[in-house]
Every structure is written in C-alpha cells, then in structure tokens.
Amino acid sequence: MKILLAVDDSKFSEAALEAVIAQISPHDTEVMVLHVVEPITLSSPPEMSPSYTPELEIPVKEAHELVEREVRKLRAAGFKARGEVETGDIRGKVLDTAADLGADLIVLGSHGRKDVQRFLLGGVAENVARQAHCSVEIVRIPNQAI
C-alpha cells in the first residue's frame, strides 16, 4: 500500500500521523510525508525573476525539519517512509504528488473551519477529497480538543 500523508505543523496533522500509525499495518506499506509551502503572491517589479523568493528560505527550511521529524516517527513505528517538501498551491501539489506516487490513500488532518473561514481560506481537505483519484482519509480532532 502507498500512502501520501500531507502535513503542516499543526495538531491536526499530528492526529493524521497518529491515525496512520494506529490504523494501518506497516507491513508492505510505504508512506510519503508531504509538506507544501505556499508562497504569498504579491506583485513584484518586472525586473525581478519569478524564481527569486527569499521569503521562502526560512519556511522551506522549517518544512524540511518538520517532514524529517514525521518520517522518523513513521520509521520508528515500522513503516517504510520518506519525505518531500514542495512549493506551490497546496491542493494541487497534494493531488499531483498522490498521482505521481500512485497513492492508494491520502491522509490529512482537517482544521475544521466552517462557513466564512472555509470560504475565505478554502478547504484543502475538502478539495482533495473531491478531486483525488484514490481514497482519502480526513482526520478530525473532537471539538473539545481544539
């Protein structure tokens, strides 16, 4: 089985990691841990190269540390795991990476935003679940734990 575990540095992602460890047998299971750094889109002078993004240096470094930490936890639980950090649109990168991996399952945490917040911020988990070509498990934390 191939699993894509999409993470951010939140308790929701930690719950998703814990769900993978608790629910899935590590035997013959590969887990790809993915974190996507979404750049802030601002207009820039035309002379600046689109690939020049110094504002992403720290977030990308922190993303690599996060992914490595999660990979170590999965390996300690017996999973074959590796990590990847991407830059771009979170929804698109999760779906593209799952397709490239040939994932059987995508696991991600839900922040549980409702109404206006979900409309303004978008629902990554909802969007992935609607568009994925494989099964998706959205891990939620009970309201009292939020």
C-alpha atoms as a PDB file:
ATOM      1  CA  MET A   1       0.000   0.000   0.000  1.00  0.00           C
ATOM      2  CA  LYS A   2       1.191   3.519  -0.791  1.00  0.00           C
ATOM      3  CA  ILE A   3       0.052   6.362   1.438  1.00  0.00           C
ATOM      4  CA  LEU A   4       0.513  10.091   1.000  1.00  0.00           C
ATOM      5  CA  LEU A   5       0.457  11.821   4.390  1.00  0.00           C
ATOM      6  CA  ALA A   6       0.033  15.574   3.871  1.00  0.00           C
ATOM      7  CA  VAL A   7       1.234  17.550   6.884  1.00  0.00           C
ATOM      8  CA  ASP A   8       1.553  21.060   8.203  1.00  0.00           C
ATOM      9  CA  ASP A   9       2.917  21.945  11.618  1.00  0.00           C
ATOM     10  CA  SER A  10      -0.375  21.575  13.490  1.00  0.00           C
ATOM     11  CA  LYS A  11      -2.107  19.302  15.953  1.00  0.00           C
ATOM     12  CA  PHE A  12      -4.412  18.295  13.085  1.00  0.00           C
ATOM     13  CA  SER A  13      -1.501  16.863  11.122  1.00  0.00           C
ATOM     14  CA  GLU A  14      -0.188  15.180  14.242  1.00  0.00           C
ATOM     15  CA  ALA A  15      -3.589  13.495  14.608  1.00  0.00           C
ATOM     16  CA  ALA A  16      -3.354  12.325  10.980  1.00  0.00           C
ATOM     17  CA  LEU A  17       0.103  10.844  11.621  1.00  0.00           C
ATOM     18  CA  GLU A  18      -1.173   9.098  14.744  1.00  0.00           C
ATOM     19  CA  ALA A  19      -4.125   7.711  12.760  1.00  0.00           C
ATOM     20  CA  VAL A  20      -1.793   6.191  10.171  1.00  0.00           C
ATOM     21  CA  ILE A  21       0.315   4.555  12.887  1.00  0.00           C
ATOM     22  CA  ALA A  22      -2.735   3.282  14.804  1.00  0.00           C
ATOM     23  CA  GLN A  23      -4.893   2.095  11.905  1.00  0.00           C
ATOM     24  CA  ILE A  24      -2.550   0.766   9.239  1.00  0.00           C
ATOM     25  CA  SER A  25      -0.185  -2.159   9.312  1.00  0.00           C
ATOM     26  CA  PRO A  26       3.359  -1.119   8.455  1.00  0.00           C
ATOM     27  CA  HIS A  27       3.912  -4.398   6.596  1.00  0.00           C
ATOM     28  CA  ASP A  28       4.268  -3.646   2.866  1.00  0.00           C
ATOM     29  CA  THR A  29       3.235  -0.022   3.429  1.00  0.00           C
ATOM     30  CA  GLU A  30       5.137   2.953   2.054  1.00  0.00           C
ATOM     31  CA  VAL A  31       4.360   6.408   3.393  1.00  0.00           C
ATOM     32  CA  MET A  32       5.326   9.617   1.641  1.00  0.00           C
ATOM     33  CA  VAL A  33       5.190  12.588   4.027  1.00  0.00           C
ATOM     34  CA  LEU A  34       4.471  15.788   2.110  1.00  0.00           C
ATOM     35  CA  HIS A  35       4.535  19.389   3.243  1.00  0.00           C
ATOM     36  CA  VAL A  36       3.692  22.161   0.795  1.00  0.00           C
ATOM     37  CA  VAL A  37       4.967  25.687   1.330  1.00  0.00           C
ATOM     38  CA  GLU A  38       2.508  28.042  -0.311  1.00  0.00           C
ATOM     39  CA  PRO A  39       4.167  31.290  -1.408  1.00  0.00           C
ATOM     40  CA  ILE A  40       2.490  34.589  -0.676  1.00  0.00           C
ATOM     41  CA  THR A  41       1.555  36.068  -4.013  1.00  0.00           C
ATOM     42  CA  LEU A  42       2.470  39.710  -4.237  1.00  0.00           C
ATOM     43  CA  SER A  43       3.122  41.757  -7.311  1.00  0.00           C
ATOM     44  CA  SER A  44       6.794  42.385  -7.909  1.00  0.00           C
ATOM     45  CA  PRO A  45       8.765  44.625 -10.218  1.00  0.00           C
ATOM     46  CA  PRO A  46       9.113  43.117 -13.690  1.00  0.00           C
ATOM     47  CA  GLU A  47      12.901  43.021 -13.387  1.00  0.00           C
ATOM     48  CA  MET A  48      12.682  40.508 -10.525  1.00  0.00           C
ATOM     49  CA  SER A  49      12.905  36.892 -11.552  1.00  0.00           C
ATOM     50  CA  PRO A  50       9.803  34.852 -10.632  1.00  0.00           C
ATOM     51  CA  SER A  51      12.093  32.197  -9.157  1.00  0.00           C
ATOM     52  CA  TYR A  52      13.659  34.708  -6.732  1.00  0.00           C
ATOM     53  CA  THR A  53      11.820  34.004  -3.489  1.00  0.00           C
ATOM     54  CA  PRO A  54      13.990  34.858  -0.469  1.00  0.00           C
ATOM     55  CA  GLU A  55      10.870  34.966   1.741  1.00  0.00           C
ATOM     56  CA  LEU A  56      10.583  31.186   1.364  1.00  0.00           C
ATOM     57  CA  GLU A  57      14.050  30.282   2.663  1.00  0.00           C
ATOM     58  CA  ILE A  58      13.033  30.016   6.330  1.00  0.00           C
ATOM     59  CA  PRO A  59       9.644  28.328   5.719  1.00  0.00           C
ATOM     60  CA  VAL A  60      11.254  25.757   3.401  1.00  0.00           C
ATOM     61  CA  LYS A  61      13.992  25.004   5.951  1.00  0.00           C
ATOM     62  CA  GLU A  62      11.374  24.566   8.694  1.00  0.00           C
ATOM     63  CA  ALA A  63       9.302  22.382   6.342  1.00  0.00           C
ATOM     64  CA  HIS A  64      12.245  20.034   5.798  1.00  0.00           C
ATOM     65  CA  GLU A  65      12.726  19.757   9.568  1.00  0.00           C
ATOM     66  CA  LEU A  66       9.023  19.005  10.063  1.00  0.00           C
ATOM     67  CA  VAL A  67       8.964  16.360   7.338  1.00  0.00           C
ATOM     68  CA  GLU A  68      12.103  14.659   8.668  1.00  0.00           C
ATOM     69  CA  ARG A  69      10.639  14.588  12.187  1.00  0.00           C
ATOM     70  CA  GLU A  70       7.448  12.929  10.908  1.00  0.00           C
ATOM     71  CA  VAL A  71       9.413  10.453   8.763  1.00  0.00           C
ATOM     72  CA  ARG A  72      11.439   9.415  11.840  1.00  0.00           C
ATOM     73  CA  LYS A  73       8.213   8.748  13.788  1.00  0.00           C
ATOM     74  CA  LEU A  74       6.849   6.579  10.984  1.00  0.00           C
ATOM     75  CA  ARG A  75      10.091   4.642  10.641  1.00  0.00           C
ATOM     76  CA  ALA A  76      10.153   4.074  14.407  1.00  0.00           C
ATOM     77  CA  ALA A  77       6.668   2.534  14.043  1.00  0.00           C
ATOM     78  CA  GLY A  78       7.984   0.179  11.344  1.00  0.00           C
ATOM     79  CA  PHE A  79       6.861   1.970   8.191  1.00  0.00           C
ATOM     80  CA  LYS A  80       8.955   2.484   5.097  1.00  0.00           C
ATOM     81  CA  ALA A  81       8.791   6.292   4.929  1.00  0.00           C
ATOM     82  CA  ARG A  82      10.300   9.190   3.049  1.00  0.00           C
ATOM     83  CA  GLY A  83       9.536  12.871   2.847  1.00  0.00           C
ATOM     84  CA  GLU A  84       9.162  15.625   0.348  1.00  0.00           C
ATOM     85  CA  VAL A  85       8.757  19.395   0.505  1.00  0.00           C
ATOM     86  CA  GLU A  86       7.086  21.192  -2.378  1.00  0.00           C
ATOM     87  CA  THR A  87       6.368  24.843  -3.076  1.00  0.00           C
ATOM     88  CA  GLY A  88       3.125  25.954  -4.690  1.00  0.00           C
ATOM     89  CA  ASP A  89      -0.623  25.547  -4.375  1.00  0.00           C
ATOM     90  CA  ILE A  90      -1.290  23.101  -1.542  1.00  0.00           C
ATOM     91  CA  ARG A  91      -4.336  21.414  -3.101  1.00  0.00           C
ATOM     92  CA  GLY A  92      -2.683  20.956  -6.476  1.00  0.00           C
ATOM     93  CA  LYS A  93       0.613  19.692  -5.049  1.00  0.00           C
ATOM     94  CA  VAL A  94      -1.134  17.131  -2.819  1.00  0.00           C
ATOM     95  CA  LEU A  95      -3.169  15.809  -5.749  1.00  0.00           C
ATOM     96  CA  ASP A  96      -0.198  15.814  -8.144  1.00  0.00           C
ATOM     97  CA  THR A  97       2.096  14.089  -5.651  1.00  0.00           C
ATOM     98  CA  ALA A  98      -0.541  11.442  -4.924  1.00  0.00           C
ATOM     99  CA  ALA A  99      -0.898  10.768  -8.645  1.00  0.00           C
ATOM    100  CA  ASP A 100       2.882  10.628  -9.192  1.00  0.00           C
ATOM    101  CA  LEU A 101       3.264   8.284  -6.224  1.00  0.00           C
ATOM    102  CA  GLY A 102       0.402   6.049  -7.337  1.00  0.00           C
ATOM    103  CA  ALA A 103      -1.058   6.506  -3.856  1.00  0.00           C
ATOM    104  CA  ASP A 104      -3.753   4.154  -2.650  1.00  0.00           C
ATOM    105  CA  LEU A 105      -4.675   6.547   0.162  1.00  0.00           C
ATOM    106  CA  ILE A 106      -4.206  10.207   1.055  1.00  0.00           C
ATOM    107  CA  VAL A 107      -4.342  11.036   4.760  1.00  0.00           C
ATOM    108  CA  LEU A 108      -4.570  14.596   6.046  1.00  0.00           C
ATOM    109  CA  GLY A 109      -5.880  16.460   9.034  1.00  0.00           C
ATOM    110  CA  SER A 110      -8.793  18.839   8.923  1.00  0.00           C
ATOM    111  CA  HIS A 111      -8.661  22.197  10.633  1.00  0.00           C
ATOM    112  CA  GLY A 112     -12.451  22.070  10.860  1.00  0.00           C
ATOM    113  CA  ARG A 113     -13.084  25.582   9.611  1.00  0.00           C
ATOM    114  CA  LYS A 114     -16.691  26.403   8.955  1.00  0.00           C
ATOM    115  CA  ASP A 115     -18.723  28.828   6.911  1.00  0.00           C
ATOM    116  CA  VAL A 116     -16.926  32.113   6.158  1.00  0.00           C
ATOM    117  CA  GLN A 117     -13.464  30.891   7.236  1.00  0.00           C
ATOM    118  CA  ARG A 118     -13.719  27.897   4.902  1.00  0.00           C
ATOM    119  CA  PHE A 119     -14.961  30.116   2.083  1.00  0.00           C
ATOM    120  CA  LEU A 120     -12.158  32.654   2.546  1.00  0.00           C
ATOM    121  CA  LEU A 121      -9.328  30.218   3.270  1.00  0.00           C
ATOM    122  CA  GLY A 122     -10.558  27.327   1.157  1.00  0.00           C
ATOM    123  CA  GLY A 123     -10.959  23.802   2.354  1.00  0.00           C
ATOM    124  CA  VAL A 124      -7.811  21.885   1.442  1.00  0.00           C
ATOM    125  CA  ALA A 125      -9.110  18.597   2.856  1.00  0.00           C
ATOM    126  CA  GLU A 126     -12.500  19.024   1.191  1.00  0.00           C
ATOM    127  CA  ASN A 127     -10.941  19.919  -2.151  1.00  0.00           C
ATOM    128  CA  VAL A 128      -8.519  16.987  -2.036  1.00  0.00           C
ATOM    129  CA  ALA A 129     -11.334  14.594  -1.108  1.00  0.00           C
ATOM    130  CA  ARG A 130     -13.462  15.782  -4.032  1.00  0.00           C
ATOM    131  CA  GLN A 131     -10.712  15.620  -6.659  1.00  0.00           C
ATOM    132  CA  ALA A 132      -8.469  12.730  -5.604  1.00  0.00           C
ATOM    133  CA  HIS A 133      -8.301   9.608  -7.736  1.00  0.00           C
ATOM    134  CA  CYS A 134      -7.761   7.415  -4.680  1.00  0.00           C
ATOM    135  CA  SER A 135      -9.258   7.039  -1.215  1.00  0.00           C
ATOM    136  CA  VAL A 136      -8.881   9.962   1.189  1.00  0.00           C
ATOM    137  CA  GLU A 137      -8.992   9.852   4.974  1.00  0.00           C
ATOM    138  CA  ILE A 138      -9.628  13.186   6.656  1.00  0.00           C
ATOM    139  CA  VAL A 139      -8.689  13.027  10.326  1.00  0.00           C
ATOM    140  CA  ARG A 140     -10.586  15.333  12.628  1.00  0.00           C
ATOM    141  CA  ILE A 141      -9.995  16.255  16.256  1.00  0.00           C
ATOM    142  CA  PRO A 142     -13.072  16.345  18.508  1.00  0.00           C
ATOM    143  CA  ASN A 143     -14.260  19.913  19.223  1.00  0.00           C
ATOM    144  CA  GLN A 144     -13.281  19.828  22.884  1.00  0.00           C
ATOM    145  CA  ALA A 145      -9.640  19.187  21.909  1.00  0.00           C
ATOM    146  CA  ILE A 146      -9.423  22.199  19.573  1.00  0.00           C
END
